[in-house]
C-alpha atoms as a PDB file:
ATOM      1  CA  TRP A   1     -90.304  57.561 -70.329  1.00  0.00           C
ATOM      2  CA  GLU A   2     -93.231  59.104 -72.170  1.00  0.00           C
ATOM      3  CA  THR A   3     -92.170  62.607 -71.162  1.00  0.00           C
ATOM      4  CA  ILE A   4     -88.541  61.912 -72.080  1.00  0.00           C
ATOM      5  CA  SER A   5     -89.709  60.527 -75.444  1.00  0.00           C
ATOM      6  CA  ALA A   6     -91.519  63.836 -76.048  1.00  0.00           C
ATOM      7  CA  PHE A   7     -88.263  65.692 -75.288  1.00  0.00           C
ATOM      8  CA  CYS A   8     -86.554  63.578 -77.953  1.00  0.00           C
ATOM      9  CA  ASP A   9     -89.258  64.319 -80.511  1.00  0.00           C
ATOM     10  CA  ARG A  10     -88.842  68.053 -79.871  1.00  0.00           C
ATOM     11  CA  HIS A  11     -85.103  67.791 -80.506  1.00  0.00           C
ATOM     12  CA  GLY A  12     -85.418  65.508 -83.568  1.00  0.00           C
ATOM     13  CA  VAL A  13     -83.897  62.475 -81.805  1.00  0.00           C
ATOM     14  CA  ASP A  14     -85.247  58.905 -82.003  1.00  0.00           C
ATOM     15  CA  TYR A  15     -85.987  57.748 -78.467  1.00  0.00           C
ATOM     16  CA  LEU A  16     -85.497  54.021 -79.181  1.00  0.00           C
ATOM     17  CA  THR A  17     -82.534  53.987 -81.515  1.00  0.00           C
ATOM     18  CA  GLY A  18     -80.828  57.374 -81.248  1.00  0.00           C
ATOM     19  CA  SER A  19     -77.652  58.225 -79.355  1.00  0.00           C
ATOM     20  CA  TRP A  20     -78.349  61.149 -77.051  1.00  0.00           C
ATOM     21  CA  TRP A  21     -77.818  62.696 -73.640  1.00  0.00           C
ATOM     22  CA  PRO A  22     -80.617  64.394 -71.637  1.00  0.00           C
ATOM     23  CA  ILE A  23     -80.794  68.063 -70.754  1.00  0.00           C
ATOM     24  CA  LEU A  24     -80.999  67.786 -66.970  1.00  0.00           C
ATOM     25  CA  GLU A  25     -82.965  71.037 -66.582  1.00  0.00           C
ATOM     26  CA  ASP A  26     -85.729  69.518 -68.729  1.00  0.00           C
ATOM     27  CA  LEU A  27     -85.932  66.540 -66.383  1.00  0.00           C
ATOM     28  CA  TYR A  28     -85.920  68.724 -63.256  1.00  0.00           C
ATOM     29  CA  LYS A  29     -88.674  70.994 -64.602  1.00  0.00           C
ATOM     30  CA  SER A  30     -90.836  67.962 -65.400  1.00  0.00           C
ATOM     31  CA  ASN A  31     -90.398  66.515 -61.896  1.00  0.00           C
ATOM     32  CA  ILE A  32     -88.681  63.417 -63.247  1.00  0.00           C
ATOM     33  CA  PRO A  33     -86.544  61.834 -60.472  1.00  0.00           C
ATOM     34  CA  VAL A  34     -82.829  62.026 -61.348  1.00  0.00           C
ATOM     35  CA  TYR A  35     -80.163  60.038 -59.516  1.00  0.00           C
ATOM     36  CA  ARG A  36     -76.496  60.683 -60.328  1.00  0.00           C
ATOM     37  CA  PHE A  37     -73.628  58.777 -58.776  1.00  0.00           C
ATOM     38  CA  ILE A  38     -70.114  57.534 -59.423  1.00  0.00           C
ATOM     39  CA  GLN A  39     -69.663  53.765 -59.693  1.00  0.00           C
ATOM     40  CA  ARG A  40     -66.371  52.695 -58.109  1.00  0.00           C
ATOM     41  CA  PRO A  41     -64.299  49.675 -59.197  1.00  0.00           C
ATOM     42  CA  GLY A  42     -66.015  46.541 -57.902  1.00  0.00           C
ATOM     43  CA  ASP A  43     -69.402  48.218 -57.458  1.00  0.00           C
ATOM     44  CA  LEU A  44     -72.456  46.480 -58.936  1.00  0.00           C
ATOM     45  CA  VAL A  45     -75.371  48.708 -59.945  1.00  0.00           C
ATOM     46  CA  TRP A  46     -78.810  47.091 -60.319  1.00  0.00           C
ATOM     47  CA  ILE A  47     -81.277  49.120 -62.420  1.00  0.00           C
ATOM     48  CA  ASN A  48     -84.937  48.144 -62.262  1.00  0.00           C
ATOM     49  CA  ALA A  49     -87.044  47.354 -65.333  1.00  0.00           C
ATOM     50  CA  GLY A  50     -88.243  50.424 -67.209  1.00  0.00           C
ATOM     51  CA  THR A  51     -85.539  52.746 -65.872  1.00  0.00           C
ATOM     52  CA  VAL A  52     -84.172  55.167 -68.449  1.00  0.00           C
ATOM     53  CA  HIS A  53     -80.433  55.453 -67.834  1.00  0.00           C
ATOM     54  CA  TRP A  54     -77.126  56.685 -69.211  1.00  0.00           C
ATOM     55  CA  VAL A  55     -73.543  55.735 -68.440  1.00  0.00           C
ATOM     56  CA  GLN A  56     -70.541  58.030 -68.892  1.00  0.00           C
ATOM     57  CA  ALA A  57     -66.932  57.046 -68.277  1.00  0.00           C
ATOM     58  CA  THR A  58     -64.910  59.385 -66.048  1.00  0.00           C
ATOM     59  CA  GLY A  59     -61.681  57.758 -67.239  1.00  0.00           C
ATOM     60  CA  TRP A  60     -60.291  54.543 -68.717  1.00  0.00           C
ATOM     61  CA  CYS A  61     -62.519  51.571 -67.889  1.00  0.00           C
ATOM     62  CA  ASN A  62     -63.918  48.179 -68.909  1.00  0.00           C
ATOM     63  CA  ASN A  63     -67.683  48.399 -69.127  1.00  0.00           C
ATOM     64  CA  ILE A  64     -69.577  45.163 -68.348  1.00  0.00           C
ATOM     65  CA  ALA A  65     -73.372  44.979 -68.370  1.00  0.00           C
ATOM     66  CA  TRP A  66     -76.015  42.265 -68.314  1.00  0.00           C
ATOM     67  CA  ASN A  67     -79.672  42.289 -69.201  1.00  0.00           C
ATOM     68  CA  VAL A  68     -81.547  39.965 -66.877  1.00  0.00           C
ATOM     69  CA  GLY A  69     -85.154  38.851 -66.869  1.00  0.00           C
ATOM     70  CA  PRO A  70     -86.461  37.454 -63.587  1.00  0.00           C
ATOM     71  CA  LEU A  71     -89.382  35.122 -64.358  1.00  0.00           C
ATOM     72  CA  THR A  72     -92.081  37.177 -62.634  1.00  0.00           C
ATOM     73  CA  ALA A  73     -95.468  38.442 -63.791  1.00  0.00           C
ATOM     74  CA  TYR A  74     -94.273  42.073 -63.629  1.00  0.00           C
ATOM     75  CA  GLN A  75     -91.172  41.402 -65.678  1.00  0.00           C
ATOM     76  CA  TYR A  76     -93.077  39.346 -68.273  1.00  0.00           C
ATOM     77  CA  GLN A  77     -95.728  42.034 -68.653  1.00  0.00           C
ATOM     78  CA  LEU A  78     -93.108  44.778 -69.156  1.00  0.00           C
ATOM     79  CA  ALA A  79     -91.244  42.591 -71.662  1.00  0.00           C
ATOM     80  CA  LEU A  80     -94.408  41.985 -73.687  1.00  0.00           C
ATOM     81  CA  GLU A  81     -95.306  45.686 -73.659  1.00  0.00           C
ATOM     82  CA  ARG A  82     -91.866  46.650 -74.929  1.00  0.00           C
ATOM     83  CA  TYR A  83     -92.031  43.842 -77.514  1.00  0.00           C
ATOM     84  CA  GLU A  84     -95.339  45.177 -78.877  1.00  0.00           C
ATOM     85  CA  TRP A  85     -94.104  48.790 -78.767  1.00  0.00           C
ATOM     86  CA  ASN A  86     -90.967  47.841 -80.697  1.00  0.00           C
ATOM     87  CA  GLU A  87     -93.144  46.186 -83.365  1.00  0.00           C
ATOM     88  CA  VAL A  88     -95.249  49.340 -83.693  1.00  0.00           C
ATOM     89  CA  LYS A  89     -92.070  51.427 -84.061  1.00  0.00           C
ATOM     90  CA  ASN A  90     -90.383  48.941 -86.423  1.00  0.00           C
ATOM     91  CA  VAL A  91     -87.514  48.340 -84.008  1.00  0.00           C
ATOM     92  CA  LYS A  92     -86.070  44.855 -83.585  1.00  0.00           C
ATOM     93  CA  SER A  93     -86.681  43.291 -80.160  1.00  0.00           C
ATOM     94  CA  ILE A  94     -83.563  41.782 -78.627  1.00  0.00           C
ATOM     95  CA  VAL A  95     -85.729  39.135 -76.911  1.00  0.00           C
ATOM     96  CA  PRO A  96     -87.982  37.032 -79.236  1.00  0.00           C
ATOM     97  CA  MET A  97     -90.904  36.883 -76.799  1.00  0.00           C
ATOM     98  CA  ILE A  98     -93.049  34.365 -78.725  1.00  0.00           C
ATOM     99  CA  HIS A  99     -90.126  31.927 -78.991  1.00  0.00           C
ATOM    100  CA  VAL A 100     -89.245  32.479 -75.311  1.00  0.00           C
ATOM    101  CA  SER A 101     -92.844  31.987 -74.156  1.00  0.00           C
ATOM    102  CA  TRP A 102     -93.102  28.620 -75.896  1.00  0.00           C
ATOM    103  CA  ASN A 103     -89.757  27.543 -74.444  1.00  0.00           C
ATOM    104  CA  VAL A 104     -90.918  28.523 -70.949  1.00  0.00           C
ATOM    105  CA  ALA A 105     -94.161  26.565 -71.385  1.00  0.00           C
ATOM    106  CA  ARG A 106     -92.211  23.555 -72.573  1.00  0.00           C
ATOM    107  CA  THR A 107     -89.488  23.533 -69.884  1.00  0.00           C
ATOM    108  CA  VAL A 108     -90.458  25.555 -66.797  1.00  0.00           C
ATOM    109  CA  LYS A 109     -93.062  24.891 -64.080  1.00  0.00           C
ATOM    110  CA  ILE A 110     -94.891  28.112 -63.245  1.00  0.00           C
ATOM    111  CA  SER A 111     -96.585  28.503 -59.860  1.00  0.00           C
ATOM    112  CA  ASP A 112     -97.441  32.234 -60.051  1.00  0.00           C
ATOM    113  CA  PRO A 113    -101.107  32.454 -61.252  1.00  0.00           C
ATOM    114  CA  ASP A 114    -100.704  35.909 -62.829  1.00  0.00           C
ATOM    115  CA  LEU A 115     -97.585  34.906 -64.763  1.00  0.00           C
ATOM    116  CA  TYR A 116     -99.213  31.645 -65.829  1.00  0.00           C
ATOM    117  CA  LYS A 117    -102.324  33.433 -67.183  1.00  0.00           C
ATOM    118  CA  MET A 118    -100.224  35.856 -69.233  1.00  0.00           C
ATOM    119  CA  ILE A 119     -98.051  33.148 -70.742  1.00  0.00           C
ATOM    120  CA  LYS A 120    -101.072  30.933 -71.459  1.00  0.00           C
ATOM    121  CA  TYR A 121    -102.823  33.830 -73.197  1.00  0.00           C
ATOM    122  CA  CYS A 122     -99.714  34.568 -75.277  1.00  0.00           C
ATOM    123  CA  LEU A 123     -99.555  30.910 -76.362  1.00  0.00           C
ATOM    124  CA  MET A 124    -103.259  30.923 -77.266  1.00  0.00           C
ATOM    125  CA  GLN A 125    -102.842  34.006 -79.457  1.00  0.00           C
ATOM    126  CA  SER A 126     -99.770  32.457 -81.071  1.00  0.00           C
ATOM    127  CA  ILE A 127    -101.599  29.233 -81.942  1.00  0.00           C
ATOM    128  CA  LYS A 128    -104.562  31.210 -83.268  1.00  0.00           C
ATOM    129  CA  HIS A 129    -102.294  33.299 -85.510  1.00  0.00           C
ATOM    130  CA  CYS A 130    -100.496  30.219 -86.840  1.00  0.00           C
ATOM    131  CA  GLN A 131    -103.758  28.351 -87.512  1.00  0.00           C
ATOM    132  CA  VAL A 132    -105.443  31.244 -89.298  1.00  0.00           C
ATOM    133  CA  LEU A 133    -102.331  31.867 -91.386  1.00  0.00           C
ATOM    134  CA  ARG A 134    -102.002  28.171 -92.224  1.00  0.00           C
ATOM    135  CA  GLU A 135    -105.632  27.825 -93.294  1.00  0.00           C
ATOM    136  CA  THR A 136    -105.350  30.961 -95.476  1.00  0.00           C
ATOM    137  CA  LEU A 137    -102.281  29.553 -97.235  1.00  0.00           C
ATOM    138  CA  VAL A 138    -103.880  26.149 -97.775  1.00  0.00           C
ATOM    139  CA  ARG A 139    -107.074  27.698 -99.200  1.00  0.00           C
ATOM    140  CA  SER A 140    -105.001  29.701-101.673  1.00  0.00           C
ATOM    141  CA  GLY A 141    -103.236  26.519-102.826  1.00  0.00           C
ATOM    142  CA  LYS A 142     -99.845  27.434-101.383  1.00  0.00           C
ATOM    143  CA  LYS A 143     -97.776  24.419-100.428  1.00  0.00           C
ATOM    144  CA  ILE A 144     -96.415  24.346 -96.870  1.00  0.00           C
ATOM    145  CA  ALA A 145     -93.301  22.264 -96.300  1.00  0.00           C
ATOM    146  CA  TYR A 146     -92.605  20.878 -92.813  1.00  0.00           C
ATOM    147  CA  GLN A 147     -89.053  21.478 -91.580  1.00  0.00           C
ATOM    148  CA  GLY A 148     -88.778  20.843 -87.836  1.00  0.00           C
ATOM    149  CA  ARG A 149     -86.482  22.905 -85.673  1.00  0.00           C
ATOM    150  CA  VAL A 150     -83.100  21.448 -84.746  1.00  0.00           C
ATOM    151  CA  LYS A 151     -81.212  21.799 -81.491  1.00  0.00           C
ATOM    152  CA  ASP A 152     -79.879  25.333 -80.783  1.00  0.00           C
ATOM    153  CA  GLU A 153     -81.580  26.760 -83.899  1.00  0.00           C
ATOM    154  CA  PRO A 154     -82.053  30.508 -83.331  1.00  0.00           C
ATOM    155  CA  ALA A 155     -85.302  32.408 -83.368  1.00  0.00           C
ATOM    156  CA  TYR A 156     -86.040  34.100 -86.694  1.00  0.00           C
ATOM    157  CA  TYR A 157     -86.738  37.709 -87.540  1.00  0.00           C
ATOM    158  CA  CYS A 158     -88.066  39.177 -90.798  1.00  0.00           C
ATOM    159  CA  ASN A 159     -85.211  40.275 -93.067  1.00  0.00           C
ATOM    160  CA  GLU A 160     -87.189  43.368 -94.041  1.00  0.00           C
ATOM    161  CA  CYS A 161     -88.987  44.713 -90.957  1.00  0.00           C
ATOM    162  CA  ASP A 162     -87.215  42.858 -88.088  1.00  0.00           C
ATOM    163  CA  VAL A 163     -90.448  41.488 -86.595  1.00  0.00           C
ATOM    164  CA  GLU A 164     -90.157  38.051 -84.954  1.00  0.00           C
ATOM    165  CA  VAL A 165     -91.298  35.219 -87.253  1.00  0.00           C
ATOM    166  CA  PHE A 166     -92.506  32.145 -85.352  1.00  0.00           C
ATOM    167  CA  ASN A 167     -93.289  28.723 -86.776  1.00  0.00           C
ATOM    168  CA  ILE A 168     -94.392  29.645 -90.316  1.00  0.00           C
ATOM    169  CA  LEU A 169     -91.476  31.072 -92.256  1.00  0.00           C
ATOM    170  CA  PHE A 170     -91.639  32.754 -95.647  1.00  0.00           C
ATOM    171  CA  VAL A 171     -88.267  32.047 -97.232  1.00  0.00           C
ATOM    172  CA  THR A 172     -86.604  33.384-100.404  1.00  0.00           C
ATOM    173  CA  SER A 173     -83.167  32.842-101.851  1.00  0.00           C
ATOM    174  CA  GLU A 174     -80.878  35.858-102.058  1.00  0.00           C
ATOM    175  CA  ASN A 175     -80.172  36.748-105.694  1.00  0.00           C
ATOM    176  CA  GLY A 176     -81.152  33.231-106.730  1.00  0.00           C
ATOM    177  CA  SER A 177     -78.395  31.679-104.615  1.00  0.00           C
ATOM    178  CA  LYS A 178     -79.008  28.124-103.424  1.00  0.00           C
ATOM    179  CA  ASN A 179     -76.852  28.662-100.370  1.00  0.00           C
ATOM    180  CA  THR A 180     -78.209  31.933 -98.957  1.00  0.00           C
ATOM    181  CA  TYR A 181     -81.805  32.085 -97.740  1.00  0.00           C
ATOM    182  CA  LEU A 182     -83.754  34.975 -96.211  1.00  0.00           C
ATOM    183  CA  VAL A 183     -86.713  34.715 -93.820  1.00  0.00           C
ATOM    184  CA  HIS A 184     -89.646  37.120 -94.130  1.00  0.00           C
ATOM    185  CA  CYS A 185     -92.917  37.711 -92.328  1.00  0.00           C
ATOM    186  CA  GLU A 186     -96.112  37.258 -94.341  1.00  0.00           C
ATOM    187  CA  ASP A 187     -96.665  40.990 -94.930  1.00  0.00           C
ATOM    188  CA  CYS A 188     -93.174  41.577 -96.280  1.00  0.00           C
ATOM    189  CA  ALA A 189     -93.269  38.385 -98.352  1.00  0.00           C
ATOM    190  CA  ARG A 190     -96.535  39.502 -99.976  1.00  0.00           C
ATOM    191  CA  GLN A 191     -95.057  42.918-100.720  1.00  0.00           C
ATOM    192  CA  ARG A 192     -92.509  41.068-102.832  1.00  0.00           C
ATOM    193  CA  SER A 193     -95.195  38.975-104.482  1.00  0.00           C
ATOM    194  CA  THR A 194     -98.905  39.077-103.579  1.00  0.00           C
ATOM    195  CA  ALA A 195     -99.309  35.445-104.703  1.00  0.00           C
ATOM    196  CA  LEU A 196     -96.012  34.486-102.982  1.00  0.00           C
ATOM    197  CA  HIS A 197     -94.282  33.515-106.218  1.00  0.00           C
ATOM    198  CA  GLY A 198     -90.677  32.568-105.513  1.00  0.00           C
ATOM    199  CA  VAL A 199     -91.436  32.213-101.794  1.00  0.00           C
ATOM    200  CA  VAL A 200     -91.087  28.869 -99.989  1.00  0.00           C
ATOM    201  CA  VAL A 201     -93.295  28.474 -96.927  1.00  0.00           C
ATOM    202  CA  LEU A 202     -91.813  26.372 -94.124  1.00  0.00           C
ATOM    203  CA  GLU A 203     -93.595  25.121 -91.004  1.00  0.00           C
ATOM    204  CA  GLN A 204     -91.433  24.337 -87.985  1.00  0.00           C
ATOM    205  CA  TYR A 205     -94.083  22.878 -85.669  1.00  0.00           C
ATOM    206  CA  LYS A 206     -97.053  20.662 -86.402  1.00  0.00           C
ATOM    207  CA  THR A 207    -100.308  22.114 -85.070  1.00  0.00           C
ATOM    208  CA  GLU A 208    -100.723  19.008 -82.910  1.00  0.00           C
ATOM    209  CA  GLU A 209     -97.298  19.609 -81.334  1.00  0.00           C
ATOM    210  CA  LEU A 210     -98.193  23.172 -80.320  1.00  0.00           C
ATOM    211  CA  MET A 211    -101.549  22.027 -78.993  1.00  0.00           C
ATOM    212  CA  GLN A 212     -99.847  19.351 -76.902  1.00  0.00           C
ATOM    213  CA  ILE A 213     -97.448  21.917 -75.378  1.00  0.00           C
ATOM    214  CA  TYR A 214    -100.358  24.289 -74.719  1.00  0.00           C
ATOM    215  CA  ASP A 215    -102.478  21.616 -73.044  1.00  0.00           C
ATOM    216  CA  SER A 216     -99.568  20.334 -70.969  1.00  0.00           C
ATOM    217  CA  PHE A 217     -98.702  23.817 -69.665  1.00  0.00           C
ATOM    218  CA  THR A 218    -100.585  23.869 -66.371  1.00  0.00           C
ATOM    219  CA  LEU A 219    -100.284  25.901 -63.200  1.00  0.00           C
ATOM    220  CA  ALA A 220     -97.882  24.169 -60.789  1.00  0.00           C
ATOM    221  CA  GLY A 221     -98.591  24.025 -57.060  1.00  0.00           C
ATOM    222  CA  SER A 222     -96.802  26.705 -55.038  1.00  0.00           C
ATOM    223  CA  PRO A 223     -93.991  25.455 -52.717  1.00  0.00           C
ATOM    224  CA  SER A 224     -95.886  26.757 -49.647  1.00  0.00           C
ATOM    225  CA  SER A 225     -98.853  24.494 -50.400  1.00  0.00           C
ATOM    226  CA  ARG A 226     -96.814  21.271 -50.244  1.00  0.00           C
END
């Protein structure tokens, strides 16, 4: 994908968000494997993670596609790498990986040591970020209001930069409206007001609750060892 991204840069096209079609000769000359085929009615095509692909209709059709994420170490690593890359490029991630990681730790038993280590590390970094941010706000005298999550409440993204916002939300009202509220990350909230004037800070999890989930998330025994 790096080579293809360079092609896009040369042609003034955004690799992540642009609509474009490759010049096949460029791919051939760069020794990038190219597979072309016609999908017949009833055929299911499975494309592996990280595969750059395009679909073109040869006639009238209904196009149905799913994004799936098998819970494996390889898939989780790729998902985190794309999540971080999207953040660097200011592109919204379809999957809120921090939110998903906490949900997995809370509800799924993991027996793969590599997957377990990656999720555990992600949780640790998340708690660290929340704690440092919380202590900074408290030291500055900013009030933090607790508002626990409710069932089926969605994950939140910053209204300005589209980064995922987990646990500590910086909220403003739109044009002073009492019915419309916008969520921001800390950086974007401070760009509006360095001292966070007019910004309400909400906390969706108590620190003790996150610590309990973290401590309870342990490596499960593999089925073969039973």
